[in-house]
Amino acid sequence: MGLKQNLHNLKEKYKGTKMAPAFNAIHTFLYMPNETTHGGTHIKAADDLKRTMNIVIMALIPCLLFGMFNAGFQHNVAVNGNFTSGMSFFSGEFWNLDNLFIGSVKILPLVIISYGVGLLVEFIFAVIKGHEVEEGYLVTGMLVPLIVPVDIPLWMLSVAVIFGVVIGKEVFGGTGMNILNPALTIRAFLFFAYPTWMSGDKVWVTGAVEKAGTADAISGETILGTLAQGKEVVYSAWDMFAGFIPGSVGETSTLLIIIGALFLIFTKIGSWRIMLSAALGAMAMGLIFNQVVEQGWVGEGSKFFDLMNTPYWHHLLIGGFAFGAVYMATDPVTASQTNKGKWIYGFLIGFLSIMIRVFNPAYPEGVMLAILLMNVFAPTIDHYVVQGNVKRRLKRAKVKTA
């Protein structure tokens, strides 16, 4: 009660001043708002923006914890060369404290920097513009560490977060006004500004960059990178599904991503239409490529052959597709709002993701660019869906009055 009362006193003391949004944000973050609606209301609901953001964070926590174990696991595998394909999801080889320690040391600073820098920018803009601090960055702050390589330098992440919050959100008016997903805006900035730290075979396993060029160099190439170079993949479909593979911190375990997806669908936070249609779009494009190879239109000598020849359903298990489709394509601010629009929006994300993945072997991961592209077109999709509904209703009205 003492802390709450002190915060309340500070809130009252700075009420009406420039610093009021900062103290209001701290008070609201720690406690329930002490303001209630006066007079009649049309709709009463128990959810608010903070609860919504907290639910998404809860769905992300399993991916974060798995990412910590996997970061240590991939490091030890690269150093010792003792990977066992097809091991149990509950294998002690994976879930041990050594792996957790290595992963925590690398990943927790990413989380701290992401939240610290991002919220600092949010507070500064709230004070300057005189509006309340919004809870939208609570999810973005957790997403960012999960979609970057484990060894990304902290100063690069700080610069990218500042860029993403300012250019990706605040210039549009803040939470709820942005047209691009802030987390993907941050990742896109990192990719185009610092490409050597976001691709290749030395960024996905901790310690690989430091030992590059030495006798005991570590290689941690992703499956997509391996396929793009025409090399043989040593991982089974189960390894891909469980997540025992190199990749961005939280994107490797399709199993945990599906569990998170079911939780978001159950809580009515995530759109199952977007998730399902994205998967259908990806499989459709994958099937087309499989048929192209089967018909002999692309031979083994082609640089596109291995990615085209990958079984269509494998595309759902590798790279960041599943994570992007569940946690970022479904962003309620940047996604389509109409039900029919969600089907179109999601399908095109899946379709374009695999197309970019195959035809751009220098960057064999297309979900980021596909989602950002469809973020731009989401309002247009909704516009034509609404206009189509209006035209059909006008046509029915004319038939009834005729």
Protein backbone atom coordinates (compact mmCIF):
# COMPACT_ATOMS: atom_id res chain seq x y z
CA MET A 1 0.00 0.00 0.00
CA GLY A 2 2.91 2.35 0.72
CA LEU A 3 4.33 2.17 -2.80
CA LYS A 4 0.91 2.52 -4.35
CA GLN A 5 0.09 5.54 -2.18
CA ASN A 6 3.44 7.19 -2.99
CA LEU A 7 2.89 6.70 -6.70
CA HIS A 8 -0.62 8.07 -6.36
CA ASN A 9 0.72 11.12 -4.54
CA LEU A 10 3.31 11.70 -7.28
CA LYS A 11 0.59 11.27 -9.88
CA GLU A 12 -1.49 13.96 -8.19
CA LYS A 13 1.53 16.21 -7.63
CA TYR A 14 2.50 16.26 -11.30
CA LYS A 15 -1.06 16.29 -12.60
CA GLY A 16 -1.33 18.76 -15.47
CA THR A 17 2.45 19.07 -15.90
CA LYS A 18 4.74 17.81 -18.64
CA MET A 19 5.81 14.83 -16.51
CA ALA A 20 2.26 13.66 -15.78
CA PRO A 21 2.20 11.00 -18.57
CA ALA A 22 5.35 9.37 -17.16
CA PHE A 23 3.97 8.98 -13.63
CA ASN A 24 0.56 7.93 -14.95
CA ALA A 25 2.22 5.21 -17.03
CA ILE A 26 4.14 3.78 -14.07
CA HIS A 27 1.00 3.81 -11.91
CA THR A 28 -1.16 2.19 -14.60
CA PHE A 29 1.48 -0.44 -15.42
CA LEU A 30 1.80 -1.58 -11.80
CA TYR A 31 -1.85 -1.23 -10.75
CA MET A 32 -5.35 -1.27 -12.13
CA PRO A 33 -6.59 2.16 -13.25
CA ASN A 34 -8.54 3.77 -10.39
CA GLU A 35 -10.93 5.52 -12.76
CA THR A 36 -14.34 4.13 -13.66
CA THR A 37 -16.90 5.06 -16.26
CA HIS A 38 -19.56 7.50 -15.05
CA GLY A 39 -23.04 7.37 -16.50
CA GLY A 40 -24.54 4.82 -18.87
CA THR A 41 -22.36 2.61 -21.07
CA HIS A 42 -23.38 0.55 -24.08
CA ILE A 43 -20.76 -2.20 -23.78
CA LYS A 44 -19.07 -3.54 -20.66
CA ALA A 45 -15.98 -5.74 -21.01
CA ALA A 46 -13.23 -6.97 -18.70
CA ASP A 47 -10.45 -6.60 -21.26
CA ASP A 48 -8.34 -3.55 -21.99
CA LEU A 49 -5.15 -2.84 -23.93
CA LYS A 50 -2.89 -3.84 -21.03
CA ARG A 51 -4.66 -7.17 -20.56
CA THR A 52 -4.52 -7.84 -24.29
CA MET A 53 -0.79 -7.13 -24.40
CA ASN A 54 -0.18 -9.31 -21.32
CA ILE A 55 -2.00 -12.24 -22.93
CA VAL A 56 0.21 -12.02 -26.02
CA ILE A 57 3.32 -11.87 -23.80
CA MET A 58 2.12 -14.99 -21.97
CA ALA A 59 1.85 -16.74 -25.34
CA LEU A 60 5.43 -15.68 -26.15
CA ILE A 61 7.05 -16.81 -22.89
CA PRO A 62 7.38 -20.51 -23.94
CA CYS A 63 9.19 -19.42 -27.12
CA LEU A 64 11.50 -17.21 -25.05
CA LEU A 65 12.38 -19.98 -22.58
CA PHE A 66 12.87 -22.51 -25.38
CA GLY A 67 15.07 -20.00 -27.20
CA MET A 68 17.32 -19.72 -24.15
CA PHE A 69 17.81 -23.48 -23.97
CA ASN A 70 18.24 -23.75 -27.75
CA ALA A 71 20.88 -20.99 -27.85
CA GLY A 72 23.02 -22.94 -25.39
CA PHE A 73 22.21 -26.24 -27.09
CA GLN A 74 23.24 -24.99 -30.55
CA HIS A 75 26.46 -23.56 -29.12
CA ASN A 76 27.40 -26.84 -27.45
CA VAL A 77 26.48 -28.83 -30.56
CA ALA A 78 28.63 -26.58 -32.74
CA VAL A 79 31.58 -26.83 -30.34
CA ASN A 80 31.32 -30.56 -29.64
CA GLY A 81 29.73 -31.74 -32.89
CA ASN A 82 27.44 -34.20 -31.11
CA PHE A 83 24.00 -33.44 -32.56
CA THR A 84 21.55 -36.35 -32.42
CA SER A 85 18.76 -36.08 -34.96
CA GLY A 86 15.28 -37.12 -33.85
CA MET A 87 15.86 -36.85 -30.11
CA SER A 88 12.89 -36.58 -27.76
CA PHE A 89 11.42 -33.16 -27.05
CA PHE A 90 12.02 -33.84 -23.35
CA SER A 91 15.61 -34.97 -23.82
CA GLY A 92 17.95 -34.09 -20.96
CA GLU A 93 20.59 -33.33 -23.60
CA PHE A 94 18.55 -30.25 -24.48
CA TRP A 95 16.89 -29.27 -21.20
CA ASN A 96 19.96 -28.87 -19.01
CA LEU A 97 21.19 -25.95 -16.91
CA ASP A 98 24.34 -25.47 -18.95
CA ASN A 99 22.30 -24.72 -22.07
CA LEU A 100 20.00 -22.44 -20.08
CA PHE A 101 22.92 -20.52 -18.58
CA ILE A 102 24.59 -19.90 -21.96
CA GLY A 103 21.28 -18.87 -23.52
CA SER A 104 20.24 -16.63 -20.63
CA VAL A 105 23.53 -14.74 -20.66
CA LYS A 106 23.03 -13.92 -24.36
CA ILE A 107 19.26 -13.43 -24.55
CA LEU A 108 18.27 -11.64 -21.34
CA PRO A 109 20.39 -8.57 -22.28
CA LEU A 110 18.50 -8.45 -25.59
CA VAL A 111 15.19 -8.37 -23.70
CA ILE A 112 16.45 -5.71 -21.27
CA ILE A 113 17.77 -3.48 -24.06
CA SER A 114 14.63 -3.93 -26.14
CA TYR A 115 12.33 -2.89 -23.30
CA GLY A 116 14.64 -0.29 -21.79
CA VAL A 117 15.36 1.64 -24.97
CA GLY A 118 11.86 1.22 -26.44
CA LEU A 119 10.01 2.35 -23.32
CA LEU A 120 12.43 5.25 -22.84
CA VAL A 121 11.56 6.51 -26.32
CA GLU A 122 7.86 6.00 -25.58
CA PHE A 123 8.16 8.02 -22.34
CA ILE A 124 10.05 10.83 -24.09
CA PHE A 125 7.42 11.13 -26.80
CA ALA A 126 4.60 10.98 -24.24
CA VAL A 127 6.14 13.84 -22.27
CA ILE A 128 6.88 15.93 -25.38
CA LYS A 129 3.48 15.39 -27.00
CA GLY A 130 1.53 15.43 -23.74
CA HIS A 131 -0.32 12.15 -24.25
CA GLU A 132 -0.51 9.04 -22.10
CA VAL A 133 2.10 6.29 -22.50
CA GLU A 134 0.43 3.45 -24.41
CA GLU A 135 0.94 -0.24 -23.67
CA GLY A 136 1.49 -1.20 -27.30
CA TYR A 137 5.26 -1.57 -26.89
CA LEU A 138 4.84 -4.27 -24.24
CA VAL A 139 4.44 -6.87 -26.98
CA THR A 140 6.88 -5.27 -29.42
CA GLY A 141 9.52 -5.26 -26.69
CA MET A 142 9.16 -9.02 -26.30
CA LEU A 143 8.91 -9.77 -30.02
CA VAL A 144 12.12 -7.97 -30.97
CA PRO A 145 14.55 -10.22 -29.00
CA LEU A 146 12.81 -13.30 -30.41
CA ILE A 147 13.25 -12.38 -34.08
CA VAL A 148 16.95 -11.46 -34.09
CA PRO A 149 20.11 -13.60 -34.07
CA VAL A 150 21.41 -14.43 -30.62
CA ASP A 151 24.71 -12.58 -31.03
CA ILE A 152 23.36 -9.29 -32.42
CA PRO A 153 25.40 -6.45 -30.80
CA LEU A 154 23.40 -4.58 -28.18
CA TRP A 155 24.23 -1.16 -29.64
CA MET A 156 22.82 -2.25 -33.02
CA LEU A 157 19.65 -3.43 -31.33
CA SER A 158 19.37 -0.10 -29.50
CA VAL A 159 19.68 1.90 -32.72
CA ALA A 160 17.14 -0.33 -34.46
CA VAL A 161 14.63 -0.06 -31.58
CA ILE A 162 14.88 3.73 -31.62
CA PHE A 163 14.32 3.73 -35.38
CA GLY A 164 11.39 1.30 -35.15
CA VAL A 165 9.58 3.16 -32.39
CA VAL A 166 10.10 6.63 -33.86
CA ILE A 167 9.74 5.93 -37.60
CA GLY A 168 7.55 2.84 -37.39
CA LYS A 169 5.04 4.11 -34.84
CA GLU A 170 5.39 7.56 -33.27
CA VAL A 171 5.47 9.50 -36.56
CA PHE A 172 2.07 7.98 -37.36
CA GLY A 173 0.59 9.03 -34.03
CA GLY A 174 1.51 6.18 -31.69
CA THR A 175 -0.13 2.86 -30.82
CA GLY A 176 -3.09 2.04 -33.03
CA MET A 177 -2.08 4.49 -35.76
CA ASN A 178 0.96 2.75 -37.29
CA ILE A 179 0.62 1.12 -40.70
CA LEU A 180 3.64 -1.21 -40.34
CA ASN A 181 4.31 -3.78 -37.64
CA PRO A 182 6.86 -2.09 -35.32
CA ALA A 183 8.78 -5.29 -34.50
CA LEU A 184 9.21 -6.13 -38.18
CA THR A 185 10.16 -2.52 -38.91
CA ILE A 186 12.97 -2.93 -36.38
CA ARG A 187 14.07 -6.21 -37.95
CA ALA A 188 13.94 -4.75 -41.45
CA PHE A 189 16.13 -1.85 -40.33
CA LEU A 190 18.66 -4.28 -38.87
CA PHE A 191 18.67 -6.40 -42.01
CA PHE A 192 19.23 -3.55 -44.44
CA ALA A 193 21.54 -1.50 -42.21
CA TYR A 194 23.65 -4.37 -40.84
CA PRO A 195 23.15 -7.31 -43.25
CA THR A 196 26.26 -9.23 -42.17
CA TRP A 197 24.82 -9.51 -38.66
CA MET A 198 21.41 -10.72 -39.88
CA SER A 199 22.33 -13.40 -42.42
CA GLY A 200 25.00 -15.96 -43.24
CA ASP A 201 26.23 -18.97 -41.26
CA LYS A 202 27.99 -17.19 -38.38
CA VAL A 203 25.21 -15.24 -36.66
CA TRP A 204 22.77 -17.91 -35.50
CA VAL A 205 24.97 -19.72 -32.98
CA THR A 206 26.52 -17.82 -30.10
CA GLY A 207 30.30 -17.63 -30.31
CA ALA A 208 30.46 -18.25 -34.06
CA VAL A 209 31.25 -14.64 -34.99
CA GLU A 210 34.14 -14.35 -32.53
CA LYS A 211 35.73 -17.58 -33.78
CA ALA A 212 35.17 -16.94 -37.49
CA GLY A 213 38.35 -17.63 -39.45
CA THR A 214 40.03 -19.55 -36.63
CA ALA A 215 40.91 -23.23 -36.56
CA ASP A 216 38.01 -24.00 -34.23
CA ALA A 217 35.48 -21.81 -36.07
CA ILE A 218 31.81 -22.53 -35.39
CA SER A 219 29.30 -22.82 -38.20
CA GLY A 220 25.59 -22.48 -37.44
CA GLU A 221 23.87 -22.16 -40.76
CA THR A 222 20.07 -22.24 -40.82
CA ILE A 223 18.17 -24.81 -42.87
CA LEU A 224 17.13 -22.14 -45.35
CA GLY A 225 20.73 -21.04 -45.77
CA THR A 226 21.78 -24.65 -46.30
CA LEU A 227 19.12 -25.21 -48.96
CA ALA A 228 19.92 -21.92 -50.70
CA GLN A 229 23.52 -23.09 -51.11
CA GLY A 230 22.52 -26.53 -52.36
CA LYS A 231 23.92 -28.38 -49.34
CA GLU A 232 22.45 -31.45 -47.67
CA VAL A 233 20.16 -30.81 -44.69
CA VAL A 234 21.06 -32.90 -41.63
CA TYR A 235 17.87 -32.17 -39.69
CA SER A 236 14.74 -34.33 -39.76
CA ALA A 237 11.19 -33.03 -40.01
CA TRP A 238 10.84 -33.72 -36.28
CA ASP A 239 13.92 -31.62 -35.50
CA MET A 240 12.38 -28.76 -37.48
CA PHE A 241 8.99 -29.13 -35.78
CA ALA A 242 10.41 -29.43 -32.26
CA GLY A 243 12.88 -26.59 -32.84
CA PHE A 244 16.30 -28.23 -32.36
CA ILE A 245 17.72 -26.13 -35.22
CA PRO A 246 19.68 -22.86 -35.58
CA GLY A 247 17.67 -19.70 -36.18
CA SER A 248 16.39 -16.52 -34.59
CA VAL A 249 15.92 -16.76 -30.83
CA GLY A 250 12.22 -17.58 -30.65
CA GLU A 251 11.35 -18.76 -34.16
CA THR A 252 12.63 -22.34 -34.25
CA SER A 253 10.02 -24.38 -32.35
CA THR A 254 6.90 -24.75 -34.48
CA LEU A 255 5.42 -26.93 -31.74
CA LEU A 256 5.50 -24.15 -29.15
CA ILE A 257 4.37 -21.58 -31.70
CA ILE A 258 1.28 -23.71 -32.42
CA ILE A 259 0.56 -23.95 -28.69
CA GLY A 260 0.86 -20.16 -28.48
CA ALA A 261 -1.42 -19.81 -31.50
CA LEU A 262 -4.10 -21.98 -29.87
CA PHE A 263 -3.86 -19.87 -26.71
CA LEU A 264 -4.30 -16.63 -28.69
CA ILE A 265 -7.25 -18.11 -30.59
CA PHE A 266 -8.86 -19.36 -27.37
CA THR A 267 -8.53 -15.93 -25.77
CA LYS A 268 -9.84 -14.30 -28.98
CA ILE A 269 -6.69 -12.17 -29.30
CA GLY A 270 -5.28 -13.71 -32.50
CA SER A 271 -7.21 -14.26 -35.74
CA TRP A 272 -7.41 -17.93 -36.71
CA ARG A 273 -8.47 -16.83 -40.20
CA ILE A 274 -5.15 -15.07 -40.80
CA MET A 275 -3.11 -17.93 -39.32
CA LEU A 276 -4.92 -20.62 -41.32
CA SER A 277 -5.01 -18.69 -44.59
CA ALA A 278 -1.28 -17.88 -44.27
CA ALA A 279 -0.53 -21.59 -43.88
CA LEU A 280 -2.75 -22.41 -46.88
CA GLY A 281 -1.04 -19.71 -48.97
CA ALA A 282 2.41 -21.05 -48.08
CA MET A 283 1.44 -24.63 -48.90
CA ALA A 284 -0.15 -23.53 -52.19
CA MET A 285 3.05 -21.80 -53.29
CA GLY A 286 5.11 -24.75 -52.07
CA LEU A 287 2.95 -27.18 -54.06
CA ILE A 288 3.38 -25.04 -57.18
CA PHE A 289 7.16 -25.17 -56.81
CA ASN A 290 7.06 -28.92 -56.17
CA GLN A 291 5.09 -29.38 -59.40
CA VAL A 292 7.55 -27.21 -61.31
CA VAL A 293 10.37 -29.53 -60.21
CA GLU A 294 8.32 -32.67 -60.83
CA GLN A 295 7.52 -31.57 -64.38
CA GLY A 296 11.22 -31.05 -65.02
CA TRP A 297 10.93 -27.33 -65.72
CA VAL A 298 13.75 -26.63 -63.24
CA GLY A 299 16.77 -28.93 -63.18
CA GLU A 300 19.19 -29.81 -60.40
CA GLY A 301 21.72 -27.34 -61.71
CA SER A 302 19.44 -24.40 -60.96
CA LYS A 303 20.16 -22.29 -57.89
CA PHE A 304 16.43 -22.47 -57.10
CA PHE A 305 16.21 -26.27 -57.28
CA ASP A 306 16.74 -27.25 -53.64
CA LEU A 307 14.28 -24.72 -52.19
CA MET A 308 11.73 -25.54 -54.91
CA ASN A 309 12.17 -29.25 -54.29
CA THR A 310 11.63 -28.91 -50.53
CA PRO A 311 8.37 -30.70 -49.59
CA TYR A 312 5.68 -28.03 -49.51
CA TRP A 313 4.74 -28.65 -45.88
CA HIS A 314 8.36 -28.30 -44.73
CA HIS A 315 8.11 -24.59 -45.52
CA LEU A 316 5.81 -24.26 -42.51
CA LEU A 317 8.47 -25.69 -40.19
CA ILE A 318 11.62 -23.85 -41.25
CA GLY A 319 12.62 -20.22 -41.02
CA GLY A 320 10.44 -17.69 -39.28
CA PHE A 321 7.23 -18.43 -41.17
CA ALA A 322 5.21 -19.96 -38.32
CA PHE A 323 6.29 -17.29 -35.83
CA GLY A 324 5.50 -14.47 -38.25
CA ALA A 325 2.11 -15.89 -39.22
CA VAL A 326 1.02 -16.33 -35.60
CA TYR A 327 2.47 -13.35 -33.75
CA MET A 328 3.00 -10.60 -36.32
CA ALA A 329 0.66 -11.16 -39.27
CA THR A 330 -2.22 -11.14 -36.77
CA ASP A 331 -1.33 -7.73 -35.31
CA PRO A 332 -4.81 -6.16 -35.02
CA VAL A 333 -3.51 -2.70 -35.90
CA THR A 334 -1.70 -3.50 -39.15
CA ALA A 335 -3.75 -6.50 -40.38
CA SER A 336 -7.00 -6.52 -42.32
CA GLN A 337 -10.09 -5.92 -40.20
CA THR A 338 -12.86 -7.57 -42.26
CA ASN A 339 -13.34 -11.34 -42.12
CA LYS A 340 -13.05 -11.80 -45.88
CA GLY A 341 -10.11 -9.40 -45.92
CA LYS A 342 -8.32 -11.52 -43.32
CA TRP A 343 -8.55 -14.58 -45.58
CA ILE A 344 -7.11 -12.64 -48.52
CA TYR A 345 -4.48 -10.88 -46.40
CA GLY A 346 -3.26 -14.08 -44.73
CA PHE A 347 -3.24 -16.12 -47.94
CA LEU A 348 -1.14 -13.52 -49.75
CA ILE A 349 1.33 -13.37 -46.85
CA GLY A 350 1.85 -17.13 -47.02
CA PHE A 351 2.00 -17.16 -50.83
CA LEU A 352 4.48 -14.29 -51.06
CA SER A 353 6.63 -15.59 -48.17
CA ILE A 354 7.52 -18.78 -50.01
CA MET A 355 7.90 -16.99 -53.34
CA ILE A 356 10.43 -14.56 -51.83
CA ARG A 357 12.12 -17.42 -49.95
CA VAL A 358 12.74 -19.37 -53.16
CA PHE A 359 13.54 -16.62 -55.65
CA ASN A 360 15.86 -14.64 -53.36
CA PRO A 361 18.49 -17.16 -52.23
CA ALA A 362 20.69 -14.32 -50.94
CA TYR A 363 17.96 -13.77 -48.33
CA PRO A 364 16.15 -17.13 -48.05
CA GLU A 365 13.45 -15.87 -45.68
CA GLY A 366 10.44 -14.03 -46.99
CA VAL A 367 7.92 -13.76 -44.17
CA MET A 368 9.23 -10.40 -42.90
CA LEU A 369 9.00 -8.71 -46.29
CA ALA A 370 5.68 -10.40 -47.09
CA ILE A 371 4.02 -9.18 -43.87
CA LEU A 372 5.36 -5.64 -44.25
CA LEU A 373 4.14 -5.54 -47.86
CA MET A 374 0.67 -6.76 -46.91
CA ASN A 375 0.56 -4.30 -43.97
CA VAL A 376 0.63 -1.58 -46.62
CA PHE A 377 -2.13 -3.23 -48.68
CA ALA A 378 -4.38 -4.27 -45.75
CA PRO A 379 -6.47 -1.04 -45.85
CA THR A 380 -6.93 -1.45 -49.61
CA ILE A 381 -8.10 -5.04 -49.18
CA ASP A 382 -10.62 -3.98 -46.55
CA HIS A 383 -11.79 -1.09 -48.74
CA TYR A 384 -12.67 -3.36 -51.64
CA VAL A 385 -14.26 -5.96 -49.36
CA VAL A 386 -16.50 -3.29 -47.83
CA GLN A 387 -17.32 -1.79 -51.23
CA GLY A 388 -18.18 -5.23 -52.54
CA ASN A 389 -20.58 -5.76 -49.63
CA VAL A 390 -22.17 -2.34 -50.25
CA LYS A 391 -22.70 -3.11 -53.95
CA ARG A 392 -24.27 -6.50 -53.19
CA ARG A 393 -26.66 -4.97 -50.65
CA LEU A 394 -27.63 -2.17 -53.03
CA LYS A 395 -28.27 -4.78 -55.73
CA ARG A 396 -30.49 -6.81 -53.39
CA ALA A 397 -32.35 -3.65 -52.36
CA LYS A 398 -33.05 -2.80 -56.02
CA VAL A 399 -34.34 -6.31 -56.67
CA LYS A 400 -36.72 -6.12 -53.70
CA THR A 401 -38.12 -2.73 -54.73
CA ALA A 402 -38.51 -3.72 -58.39
